[in-house]
Protein backbone atom coordinates (compact mmCIF):
# COMPACT_ATOMS: atom_id res chain seq x y z
CA UNK A 1 -117.51 -60.10 -170.11
CA UNK A 2 -114.29 -57.44 -169.86
CA UNK A 3 -116.19 -55.68 -172.53
CA UNK A 4 -119.15 -55.12 -170.09
CA UNK A 5 -117.11 -54.46 -167.44
CA UNK A 6 -115.17 -51.40 -169.61
CA UNK A 7 -118.64 -50.14 -170.23
CA UNK A 8 -120.01 -50.37 -167.26
CA UNK A 9 -116.98 -48.55 -165.97
CA UNK A 10 -117.08 -45.75 -168.17
CA UNK A 11 -120.86 -45.27 -167.32
CA UNK A 12 -119.54 -45.23 -163.55
CA UNK A 13 -116.85 -42.63 -164.52
CA UNK A 14 -119.07 -40.41 -166.50
CA UNK A 15 -121.97 -40.47 -163.96
CA UNK A 16 -119.82 -39.77 -161.34
CA UNK A 17 -118.49 -36.76 -163.13
CA UNK A 18 -121.76 -35.66 -164.12
CA UNK A 19 -122.70 -36.04 -160.54
CA UNK A 20 -119.93 -33.96 -159.12
CA UNK A 21 -120.10 -31.41 -161.79
CA UNK A 22 -123.93 -30.87 -160.51
CA UNK A 23 -123.00 -30.78 -156.72
CA UNK A 24 -120.54 -28.23 -157.68
CA UNK A 25 -122.89 -26.15 -159.84
CA UNK A 26 -125.93 -26.44 -157.49
CA UNK A 27 -123.37 -25.30 -154.58
CA UNK A 28 -122.63 -22.19 -156.37
CA UNK A 29 -125.74 -20.98 -158.02
CA UNK A 30 -126.78 -18.73 -155.49
CA UNK A 31 -123.46 -17.20 -155.36
CA UNK A 32 -123.68 -16.31 -159.44
CA UNK A 33 -126.98 -15.18 -158.55
CA UNK A 34 -125.89 -12.61 -155.94
CA UNK A 35 -123.07 -11.30 -157.72
CA UNK A 36 -125.78 -10.34 -160.78
CA UNK A 37 -127.94 -8.75 -158.50
CA UNK A 38 -125.15 -6.71 -156.94
CA UNK A 39 -123.98 -5.40 -159.97
CA UNK A 40 -127.40 -4.92 -161.51
CA UNK A 41 -128.46 -2.80 -158.53
CA UNK A 42 -125.29 -0.47 -159.30
CA UNK A 43 -126.67 0.24 -162.52
CA UNK A 44 -130.54 1.49 -161.32
CA UNK A 45 -129.53 2.67 -157.88
CA UNK A 46 -129.81 6.41 -159.13
CA UNK A 47 -133.24 5.58 -160.67
CA UNK A 48 -134.24 4.20 -157.05
CA UNK A 49 -135.20 0.55 -158.49
CA UNK A 50 -133.86 -2.38 -156.34
CA UNK A 51 -133.49 -5.69 -157.08
CA UNK A 52 -133.11 -8.74 -154.32
CA UNK A 53 -132.94 -12.13 -153.47
CA UNK A 54 -135.67 -13.01 -150.89
CA UNK A 55 -135.44 -16.92 -150.68
CA UNK A 56 -133.21 -19.04 -152.38
CA UNK A 57 -133.83 -22.85 -151.69
CA UNK A 58 -130.56 -24.97 -152.63
CA UNK A 59 -131.21 -28.14 -154.76
CA UNK A 60 -128.83 -31.31 -156.09
CA UNK A 61 -130.67 -31.28 -159.66
CA UNK A 62 -132.64 -27.78 -159.28
CA UNK A 63 -132.92 -24.97 -157.13
CA UNK A 64 -135.62 -22.38 -156.24
CA UNK A 65 -135.30 -18.69 -156.28
CA UNK A 66 -137.49 -16.04 -155.27
CA UNK A 67 -136.29 -12.17 -156.52
CA UNK A 68 -138.10 -9.19 -155.48
CA UNK A 69 -138.11 -5.56 -157.20
CA UNK A 70 -139.19 -2.71 -155.52
CA UNK A 71 -138.38 1.16 -155.50
CA UNK A 72 -136.46 3.00 -152.85
CA UNK A 73 -137.35 6.34 -154.47
CA UNK A 74 -140.62 7.39 -152.18
CA UNK A 75 -142.39 9.46 -155.55
CA UNK A 76 -141.44 6.33 -157.91
CA UNK A 77 -142.48 4.13 -155.55
CA UNK A 78 -145.78 5.76 -154.94
CA UNK A 79 -146.24 6.35 -158.80
CA UNK A 80 -145.52 2.61 -159.94
CA UNK A 81 -147.83 1.40 -156.68
CA UNK A 82 -151.04 2.85 -158.57
CA UNK A 83 -150.61 -0.16 -161.38
CA UNK A 84 -148.07 -2.87 -159.95
CA UNK A 85 -148.24 -4.69 -156.65
CA UNK A 86 -144.90 -3.60 -155.09
CA UNK A 87 -142.96 -5.20 -154.36
CA UNK A 88 -143.03 -7.58 -157.61
CA UNK A 89 -141.87 -10.93 -156.67
CA UNK A 90 -140.87 -13.56 -158.95
CA UNK A 91 -140.53 -16.97 -158.46
CA UNK A 92 -137.76 -19.09 -160.62
CA UNK A 93 -136.97 -22.61 -161.22
CA UNK A 94 -133.22 -23.16 -161.66
CA UNK A 95 -131.97 -26.39 -163.74
CA UNK A 96 -128.62 -27.34 -162.34
CA UNK A 97 -126.08 -28.68 -164.92
CA UNK A 98 -123.66 -29.61 -166.39
CA UNK A 99 -126.39 -31.71 -168.02
CA UNK A 100 -129.72 -29.76 -168.66
CA UNK A 101 -132.77 -32.01 -169.58
CA UNK A 102 -135.92 -29.74 -169.07
CA UNK A 103 -136.79 -27.77 -172.75
CA UNK A 104 -134.23 -29.98 -174.47
CA UNK A 105 -130.93 -31.51 -174.22
CA UNK A 106 -128.37 -28.98 -173.49
CA UNK A 107 -125.00 -28.30 -171.25
CA UNK A 108 -124.45 -25.66 -169.39
CA UNK A 109 -124.19 -24.05 -165.65
CA UNK A 110 -127.74 -23.85 -164.98
CA UNK A 111 -131.03 -23.05 -166.91
CA UNK A 112 -133.95 -21.12 -166.19
CA UNK A 113 -137.52 -21.37 -168.08
CA UNK A 114 -140.43 -19.34 -166.75
CA UNK A 115 -143.51 -18.55 -167.59
CA UNK A 116 -145.24 -15.33 -165.88
CA UNK A 117 -148.96 -13.79 -165.91
CA UNK A 118 -148.36 -10.29 -165.85
CA UNK A 119 -152.21 -9.49 -165.01
CA UNK A 120 -151.56 -10.92 -161.64
CA UNK A 121 -149.01 -8.44 -160.84
CA UNK A 122 -151.21 -5.67 -161.58
CA UNK A 123 -153.41 -3.42 -159.38
CA UNK A 124 -156.63 -4.94 -159.31
CA UNK A 125 -158.96 -1.71 -159.63
CA UNK A 126 -156.09 0.37 -161.42
CA UNK A 127 -156.96 2.49 -164.64
CA UNK A 128 -154.20 0.24 -166.24
CA UNK A 129 -155.63 -3.31 -165.37
CA UNK A 130 -159.01 -1.76 -166.18
CA UNK A 131 -157.90 -0.60 -169.74
CA UNK A 132 -156.17 -4.04 -170.54
CA UNK A 133 -157.84 -6.32 -172.67
CA UNK A 134 -155.87 -9.24 -172.66
CA UNK A 135 -153.69 -11.34 -170.93
CA UNK A 136 -150.13 -10.51 -170.92
CA UNK A 137 -147.36 -13.51 -170.70
CA UNK A 138 -143.66 -13.16 -170.53
CA UNK A 139 -141.81 -16.23 -171.17
CA UNK A 140 -138.15 -16.63 -171.10
CA UNK A 141 -135.23 -19.26 -171.10
CA UNK A 142 -131.91 -18.26 -169.74
CA UNK A 143 -129.28 -20.62 -169.94
CA UNK A 144 -125.64 -19.94 -168.49
CA UNK A 145 -123.09 -21.50 -169.89
CA UNK A 146 -119.68 -22.64 -168.78
CA UNK A 147 -118.00 -19.31 -168.82
CA UNK A 148 -120.95 -17.67 -166.93
CA UNK A 149 -122.53 -16.16 -170.14
CA UNK A 150 -126.33 -16.04 -169.88
CA UNK A 151 -128.25 -16.91 -173.09
CA UNK A 152 -131.62 -15.56 -172.88
CA UNK A 153 -134.64 -15.78 -175.11
CA UNK A 154 -137.77 -13.94 -173.93
CA UNK A 155 -141.09 -13.29 -175.66
CA UNK A 156 -144.04 -10.61 -174.22
CA UNK A 157 -147.77 -11.31 -175.87
CA UNK A 158 -149.61 -9.02 -177.73
CA UNK A 159 -150.62 -5.89 -175.86
CA UNK A 160 -154.13 -4.55 -176.54
CA UNK A 161 -155.16 -1.37 -174.21
CA UNK A 162 -158.49 0.65 -174.75
CA UNK A 163 -159.80 3.62 -172.75
CA UNK A 164 -162.16 6.59 -173.28
CA UNK A 165 -162.26 5.50 -177.65
CA UNK A 166 -158.53 5.21 -177.82
CA UNK A 167 -156.40 1.97 -178.53
CA UNK A 168 -152.78 1.31 -178.17
CA UNK A 169 -151.74 -2.20 -179.58
CA UNK A 170 -148.29 -3.73 -180.02
CA UNK A 171 -147.16 -6.87 -181.53
CA UNK A 172 -145.39 -9.49 -179.37
CA UNK A 173 -142.04 -8.23 -177.98
CA UNK A 174 -139.44 -10.67 -178.88
CA UNK A 175 -136.03 -10.60 -176.91
CA UNK A 176 -132.76 -12.39 -177.04
CA UNK A 177 -128.89 -11.75 -176.46
CA UNK A 178 -126.12 -12.89 -174.39
CA UNK A 179 -124.43 -11.31 -171.22
CA UNK A 180 -121.70 -12.17 -169.13
CA UNK A 181 -122.74 -12.28 -165.69
CA UNK A 182 -119.62 -11.01 -164.04
CA UNK A 183 -118.78 -8.25 -166.45
CA UNK A 184 -121.93 -7.39 -167.94
CA UNK A 185 -120.36 -7.51 -171.42
CA UNK A 186 -122.81 -8.97 -174.07
CA UNK A 187 -125.35 -7.80 -176.53
CA UNK A 188 -128.99 -7.56 -176.62
CA UNK A 189 -131.87 -7.44 -179.47
CA UNK A 190 -135.49 -6.31 -178.98
CA UNK A 191 -137.69 -6.17 -181.73
CA UNK A 192 -141.83 -6.01 -182.51
CA UNK A 193 -143.60 -5.89 -185.88
CA UNK A 194 -145.91 -3.39 -185.11
CA UNK A 195 -147.34 -0.74 -182.70
CA UNK A 196 -150.19 1.58 -183.08
CA UNK A 197 -152.45 3.88 -181.42
CA UNK A 198 -155.66 4.91 -182.43
CA UNK A 199 -158.17 7.46 -181.46
CA UNK A 200 -161.41 7.71 -184.12
CA UNK A 201 -160.09 8.37 -187.26
CA UNK A 202 -157.02 9.41 -186.05
CA UNK A 203 -153.77 6.96 -185.70
CA UNK A 204 -149.81 6.40 -185.22
CA UNK A 205 -148.22 3.40 -186.54
CA UNK A 206 -145.21 1.94 -186.59
CA UNK A 207 -143.81 -1.09 -187.86
CA UNK A 208 -140.34 -3.02 -187.95
CA UNK A 209 -139.07 -1.61 -184.76
CA UNK A 210 -136.06 -2.56 -183.60
CA UNK A 211 -133.49 -2.37 -181.02
CA UNK A 212 -129.75 -3.18 -180.62
CA UNK A 213 -127.92 -3.14 -177.73
CA UNK A 214 -124.03 -4.08 -176.95
CA UNK A 215 -121.75 -3.59 -173.94
CA UNK A 216 -118.06 -3.87 -174.70
CA UNK A 217 -117.38 -2.78 -170.77
CA UNK A 218 -118.88 -2.10 -168.00
CA UNK A 219 -117.90 -0.14 -164.92
CA UNK A 220 -119.42 -0.58 -161.33
CA UNK A 221 -120.66 2.84 -161.12
CA UNK A 222 -123.04 2.06 -164.34
CA UNK A 223 -120.69 3.71 -167.23
CA UNK A 224 -120.28 1.42 -170.07
CA UNK A 225 -118.86 1.53 -173.48
CA UNK A 226 -120.74 0.15 -176.22
CA UNK A 227 -123.19 0.66 -178.95
CA UNK A 228 -126.87 1.33 -178.90
CA UNK A 229 -128.98 1.29 -182.27
CA UNK A 230 -132.89 1.79 -182.58
CA UNK A 231 -134.46 1.67 -185.89
CA UNK A 232 -138.07 2.20 -187.03
CA UNK A 233 -139.01 0.79 -190.37
CA UNK A 234 -141.82 2.84 -190.99
CA UNK A 235 -144.14 5.42 -189.39
CA UNK A 236 -147.76 6.50 -190.83
CA UNK A 237 -149.76 8.88 -189.14
CA UNK A 238 -152.79 10.84 -189.45
CA UNK A 239 -154.76 13.47 -187.19
CA UNK A 240 -153.50 13.59 -183.66
CA UNK A 241 -153.81 17.48 -184.01
CA UNK A 242 -150.21 17.42 -185.69
CA UNK A 243 -149.59 20.16 -188.59
CA UNK A 244 -148.23 17.42 -190.96
CA UNK A 245 -148.33 13.31 -191.43
CA UNK A 246 -146.37 10.82 -192.21
CA UNK A 247 -146.54 8.25 -194.73
CA UNK A 248 -143.56 5.70 -195.21
CA UNK A 249 -141.57 7.89 -192.83
CA UNK A 250 -138.06 6.28 -191.71
CA UNK A 251 -136.30 6.84 -188.32
CA UNK A 252 -133.12 5.63 -186.83
CA UNK A 253 -130.63 6.49 -183.98
CA UNK A 254 -127.03 5.49 -182.90
CA UNK A 255 -124.99 5.86 -179.96
CA UNK A 256 -121.62 4.50 -179.75
CA UNK A 257 -119.44 4.76 -176.73
CA UNK A 258 -115.85 3.86 -177.49
CA UNK A 259 -112.07 3.92 -175.38
CA UNK A 260 -109.16 3.94 -177.02
CA UNK A 261 -105.30 2.86 -175.94
CA UNK A 262 -104.56 6.27 -174.48
CA UNK A 263 -107.72 5.78 -171.98
CA UNK A 264 -109.61 8.31 -173.80
CA UNK A 265 -113.49 7.85 -174.57
CA UNK A 266 -115.30 8.87 -177.84
CA UNK A 267 -119.34 9.22 -178.07
CA UNK A 268 -120.79 9.46 -181.23
CA UNK A 269 -124.43 9.91 -181.75
CA UNK A 270 -126.04 9.83 -185.22
CA UNK A 271 -130.15 10.55 -185.87
CA UNK A 272 -131.19 9.61 -189.23
CA UNK A 273 -134.83 10.47 -190.94
CA UNK A 274 -136.67 9.56 -194.02
CA UNK A 275 -139.89 11.76 -194.77
CA UNK A 276 -141.06 8.98 -197.48
CA UNK A 277 -144.41 10.31 -199.16
CA UNK A 278 -145.07 12.27 -195.80
CA UNK A 279 -146.95 15.63 -196.19
CA UNK A 280 -144.96 17.86 -194.05
CA UNK A 281 -145.74 21.53 -193.46
CA UNK A 282 -144.90 24.09 -196.54
CA UNK A 283 -141.94 25.13 -194.84
CA UNK A 284 -140.54 21.59 -194.80
CA UNK A 285 -142.44 20.26 -197.55
CA UNK A 286 -139.31 19.97 -200.09
CA UNK A 287 -137.43 17.91 -197.59
CA UNK A 288 -136.53 14.05 -198.02
CA UNK A 289 -133.88 12.95 -195.65
CA UNK A 290 -131.95 14.51 -192.75
CA UNK A 291 -129.14 13.36 -190.67
CA UNK A 292 -127.57 14.87 -187.50
CA UNK A 293 -124.22 13.43 -186.27
CA UNK A 294 -121.99 14.51 -183.42
CA UNK A 295 -119.18 13.57 -181.58
CA UNK A 296 -117.44 14.23 -177.97
CA UNK A 297 -113.98 12.67 -178.69
CA UNK A 298 -110.84 12.10 -176.77
CA UNK A 299 -112.27 13.07 -173.05
CA UNK A 300 -110.32 11.23 -170.10
CA UNK A 301 -112.14 8.08 -169.03
CA UNK A 302 -111.28 9.18 -165.33
CA UNK A 303 -112.75 12.03 -165.48
CA UNK A 304 -116.30 10.66 -167.14
CA UNK A 305 -116.11 7.86 -164.42
CA UNK A 306 -116.08 10.99 -161.99
CA UNK A 307 -118.52 12.91 -163.97
CA UNK A 308 -121.06 9.75 -163.78
CA UNK A 309 -120.24 9.48 -160.15
CA UNK A 310 -121.55 12.74 -159.98
CA UNK A 311 -124.54 12.70 -161.69
CA UNK A 312 -125.70 9.61 -160.03
CA UNK A 313 -125.39 11.36 -156.86
CA UNK A 314 -127.33 14.30 -157.78
CA UNK A 315 -130.07 12.27 -158.95
CA UNK A 316 -130.50 10.68 -155.81
CA UNK A 317 -130.36 13.98 -154.01
CA UNK A 318 -132.86 15.46 -156.78
CA UNK A 319 -134.96 12.52 -155.66
CA UNK A 320 -135.14 13.13 -152.15
CA UNK A 321 -135.70 16.61 -152.48
CA UNK A 322 -138.71 15.83 -154.77
CA UNK A 323 -140.18 13.55 -152.25
CA UNK A 324 -140.27 16.28 -149.88
CA UNK A 325 -141.44 18.81 -151.79
CA UNK A 326 -145.40 18.70 -150.84
CA UNK A 327 -145.83 18.85 -147.57
CA UNK A 328 -147.76 15.47 -146.36
CA UNK A 329 -149.65 17.79 -143.29
CA UNK A 330 -150.91 20.60 -145.32
CA UNK A 331 -150.57 19.23 -148.99
CA UNK A 332 -148.72 22.46 -149.70
CA UNK A 333 -145.18 22.85 -151.36
CA UNK A 334 -142.80 23.23 -148.67
CA UNK A 335 -141.20 26.57 -149.74
CA UNK A 336 -137.84 25.34 -147.70
CA UNK A 337 -137.42 22.31 -149.46
CA UNK A 338 -138.12 24.55 -153.14
CA UNK A 339 -135.27 26.26 -151.79
CA UNK A 340 -133.25 23.12 -151.68
CA UNK A 341 -133.98 22.71 -155.51
CA UNK A 342 -133.21 26.08 -156.77
CA UNK A 343 -129.94 25.57 -154.71
CA UNK A 344 -129.19 22.68 -156.51
CA UNK A 345 -129.00 24.43 -160.00
CA UNK A 346 -125.85 25.98 -159.13
CA UNK A 347 -124.61 22.63 -157.55
CA UNK A 348 -125.31 21.21 -160.96
CA UNK A 349 -123.62 24.07 -162.80
CA UNK A 350 -120.58 24.39 -160.91
CA UNK A 351 -119.95 20.79 -160.15
CA UNK A 352 -120.00 20.14 -164.00
CA UNK A 353 -117.77 22.92 -164.44
CA UNK A 354 -115.60 21.64 -161.81
CA UNK A 355 -114.96 18.38 -163.49
CA UNK A 356 -114.24 19.72 -167.03
CA UNK A 357 -110.22 19.87 -166.34
CA UNK A 358 -110.70 16.45 -165.37
CA UNK A 359 -112.27 14.83 -168.60
CA UNK A 360 -110.65 17.45 -171.26
CA UNK A 361 -107.17 16.48 -172.83
CA UNK A 362 -105.06 18.78 -174.82
CA UNK A 363 -104.70 17.93 -178.52
CA UNK A 364 -107.45 14.80 -177.82
CA UNK A 365 -110.89 16.32 -176.59
CA UNK A 366 -112.72 17.40 -179.35
CA UNK A 367 -116.44 18.23 -180.69
CA UNK A 368 -117.99 17.45 -184.05
CA UNK A 369 -120.68 18.30 -185.76
CA UNK A 370 -122.37 17.28 -189.16
CA UNK A 371 -125.79 18.42 -190.45
CA UNK A 372 -126.77 17.13 -193.94
CA UNK A 373 -130.10 17.95 -195.43
CA UNK A 374 -131.65 16.64 -198.89
CA UNK A 375 -134.63 17.94 -200.83
CA UNK A 376 -136.88 15.42 -203.10
CA UNK A 377 -134.83 16.32 -206.04
CA UNK A 378 -131.47 15.20 -204.35
CA UNK A 379 -130.07 18.65 -203.59
CA UNK A 380 -128.15 19.34 -200.69
CA UNK A 381 -127.32 21.68 -197.86
CA UNK A 382 -124.54 20.51 -195.23
CA UNK A 383 -123.06 22.18 -192.13
CA UNK A 384 -119.66 20.81 -190.55
CA UNK A 385 -118.52 22.14 -187.22
CA UNK A 386 -115.21 20.90 -185.57
CA UNK A 387 -113.89 22.13 -182.00
CA UNK A 388 -110.84 20.78 -180.79
CA UNK A 389 -109.24 21.62 -176.84
CA UNK A 390 -105.79 23.14 -177.53
CA UNK A 391 -105.48 24.53 -174.11
CA UNK A 392 -102.23 24.15 -172.36
CA UNK A 393 -103.09 25.70 -168.77
CA UNK A 394 -103.21 24.52 -165.13
CA UNK A 395 -106.85 25.47 -164.06
CA UNK A 396 -107.38 26.17 -160.63
CA UNK A 397 -109.37 24.24 -158.22
CA UNK A 398 -112.56 26.33 -157.50
CA UNK A 399 -115.47 25.82 -160.00
CA UNK A 400 -116.32 29.49 -160.69
CA UNK A 401 -112.38 30.28 -161.00
CA UNK A 402 -112.64 27.71 -163.88
CA UNK A 403 -115.91 29.44 -165.25
CA UNK A 404 -113.75 32.54 -165.08
CA UNK A 405 -110.39 31.33 -166.67
CA UNK A 406 -112.82 29.62 -169.45
CA UNK A 407 -114.27 32.94 -170.38
CA UNK A 408 -111.05 34.60 -170.30
CA UNK A 409 -108.88 32.46 -172.05
CA UNK A 410 -111.27 30.52 -174.53
CA UNK A 411 -109.79 31.82 -177.64
CA UNK A 412 -106.38 30.08 -176.28
CA UNK A 413 -107.98 26.83 -175.41
CA UNK A 414 -109.97 26.13 -178.73
CA UNK A 415 -109.35 25.90 -182.23
CA UNK A 416 -112.43 25.90 -184.82
CA UNK A 417 -113.30 24.67 -188.08
CA UNK A 418 -116.57 25.32 -189.68
CA UNK A 419 -117.96 24.88 -193.41
CA UNK A 420 -121.50 25.82 -194.23
CA UNK A 421 -122.35 25.06 -198.15
CA UNK A 422 -126.02 25.73 -199.48
CA UNK A 423 -126.34 24.35 -203.25
CA UNK A 424 -128.15 26.99 -205.37
CA UNK A 425 -130.33 24.13 -206.56
CA UNK A 426 -131.43 23.51 -203.27
CA UNK A 427 -132.17 27.05 -202.63
CA UNK A 428 -134.57 27.10 -205.83
CA UNK A 429 -136.62 24.06 -204.43
CA UNK A 430 -137.38 26.09 -201.15
CA UNK A 431 -140.60 27.69 -200.42
CA UNK A 432 -140.72 31.33 -202.30
CA UNK A 433 -141.05 32.84 -198.83
CA UNK A 434 -138.04 31.03 -197.26
CA UNK A 435 -136.07 32.09 -200.74
CA UNK A 436 -136.48 35.60 -200.01
CA UNK A 437 -135.71 35.77 -196.72
CA UNK A 438 -132.43 33.63 -197.12
CA UNK A 439 -131.38 35.40 -200.38
CA UNK A 440 -131.06 38.82 -198.63
CA UNK A 441 -129.17 37.51 -195.87
CA UNK A 442 -126.74 35.59 -198.38
CA UNK A 443 -126.35 38.98 -200.25
CA UNK A 444 -125.46 40.74 -197.27
CA UNK A 445 -123.16 38.03 -196.07
CA UNK A 446 -121.46 38.03 -199.80
CA UNK A 447 -121.32 42.16 -199.36
CA UNK A 448 -119.48 41.83 -196.11
CA UNK A 449 -117.25 38.94 -197.59
CA UNK A 450 -118.53 36.49 -195.20
CA UNK A 451 -120.42 34.42 -197.58
CA UNK A 452 -118.67 33.00 -200.68
CA UNK A 453 -120.45 32.51 -204.06
CA UNK A 454 -119.46 30.32 -206.93
CA UNK A 455 -121.80 29.12 -210.01
CA UNK A 456 -123.10 26.11 -208.02
CA UNK A 457 -123.63 26.98 -204.38
CA UNK A 458 -122.96 29.68 -201.52
CA UNK A 459 -120.75 28.71 -198.62
CA UNK A 460 -119.08 29.65 -195.39
CA UNK A 461 -115.91 28.65 -194.19
CA UNK A 462 -114.23 29.88 -191.07
CA UNK A 463 -110.91 28.55 -189.39
CA UNK A 464 -109.98 29.76 -185.68
CA UNK A 465 -106.72 29.09 -183.79
CA UNK A 466 -105.14 30.63 -181.00
CA UNK A 467 -104.19 34.27 -182.43
CA UNK A 468 -105.24 33.41 -185.91
CA UNK A 469 -108.60 33.87 -187.62
CA UNK A 470 -109.47 33.00 -191.33
CA UNK A 471 -112.99 33.77 -192.83
CA UNK A 472 -113.43 31.96 -196.61
CA UNK A 473 -109.83 31.80 -196.82
CA UNK A 474 -108.81 35.47 -195.91
CA UNK A 475 -107.22 36.46 -192.74
CA UNK A 476 -109.38 38.03 -190.42
CA UNK A 477 -107.11 37.87 -187.06
CA UNK A 478 -108.04 41.40 -186.50
CA UNK A 479 -111.50 40.49 -185.27
CA UNK A 480 -109.92 38.51 -182.38
CA UNK A 481 -109.44 41.46 -179.95
CA UNK A 482 -112.65 42.36 -180.46
CA UNK A 483 -114.00 38.91 -179.82
CA UNK A 484 -111.98 38.54 -176.88
CA UNK A 485 -113.12 41.61 -175.13
CA UNK A 486 -116.80 40.25 -175.90
CA UNK A 487 -116.10 37.21 -174.29
CA UNK A 488 -114.31 38.66 -170.91
CA UNK A 489 -117.73 40.81 -170.41
CA UNK A 490 -119.83 37.68 -171.20
CA UNK A 491 -121.48 39.01 -173.91
């Protein structure tokens, strides 16, 4: 009997703990949701999109929430409302933890399992709904753990659109990832096996599309540190009024934004392509691989955050002006409003120039560029460029005066290293006409001492520092005075 009492006591204790945890979680579910909505709106504010909690019914074991998505930008709202019934209303059943029973036993703060018929959100007589040939189903399961990380899995069914003899089709989209509801840190993966567009005998096909994103730090104004990668495993095309066709081509794009201990930020961009068995125009038929890498390095974080605020405000203002550009009474362009749009060009230019001193850091800020081309015989052509900010002057506060200072002092603010190399075997594989044109330029450059030739390649090297210029290792500092005058005159 004593053992039974202990077991019953344990069960009562566990039950009390579970019920107490459930009561706490159910009472805080809405605050978690409100915090998520607030941060999401900060991210999409400049795009004119807004998320809101229309209704929340708190329960003990489960809660119900209704979320609305709408657009505050009139032009965007007008455009989207042609296809979607705005505002979009999504209803969710939220299972309260700590023990989760639906869709398998699990532990967590809450779990949302949902299924939406996207067709129900489409405007009945819209061109999009008329063209859609299947039912779109969006499924998602989101589990929030005890550290407020949302683990999500979602899928969108196959999409088939047919209109005017054209067909667009994508395989199911699969999404999974994790995101902290307070910090927005996390990662996401989105992929689909195939996407293709066809019109008669013409087509565009892409296989094994994948996107990976990671947010390492998120700021309230929408700026973030993280990594974004996009890959296409294979691209094939035919026709489509293009002067070339892709066959088994590959493409990848990568953006990485990182922060260092000294509160500076690097932005690294990388684009790579492989032509595979593609039939490119004659001028590029030799090309097999190409890569473009460029980086903005050592920029002050505070300056970048200010730049983010500036661009967001600019986007909101531009959206407002565009929404008023066409007069609702005459249907004609309002020239006074058009004048506002023109005035924004100077506002944008000088706004960005005015922020430069807050972004640049002496002996830290830099721009790097690297271009690598490889032909089908594995011969290469390369270009490398590095520009460092070495300035140590006090800039004026007025943006126009800052612009004048840059023009006047540019050669004292920057150091530059540039290296270009062309393998002779690479040149020999170029189209005949391009070889002839390039040969004349290289010969002239060699005569002037700008191009250096050896047994296997042609090259050009330049090194610029305040009061010093070298070209191919030879001192050409005498040219600086002429360059300085040209810059000061805006030539």
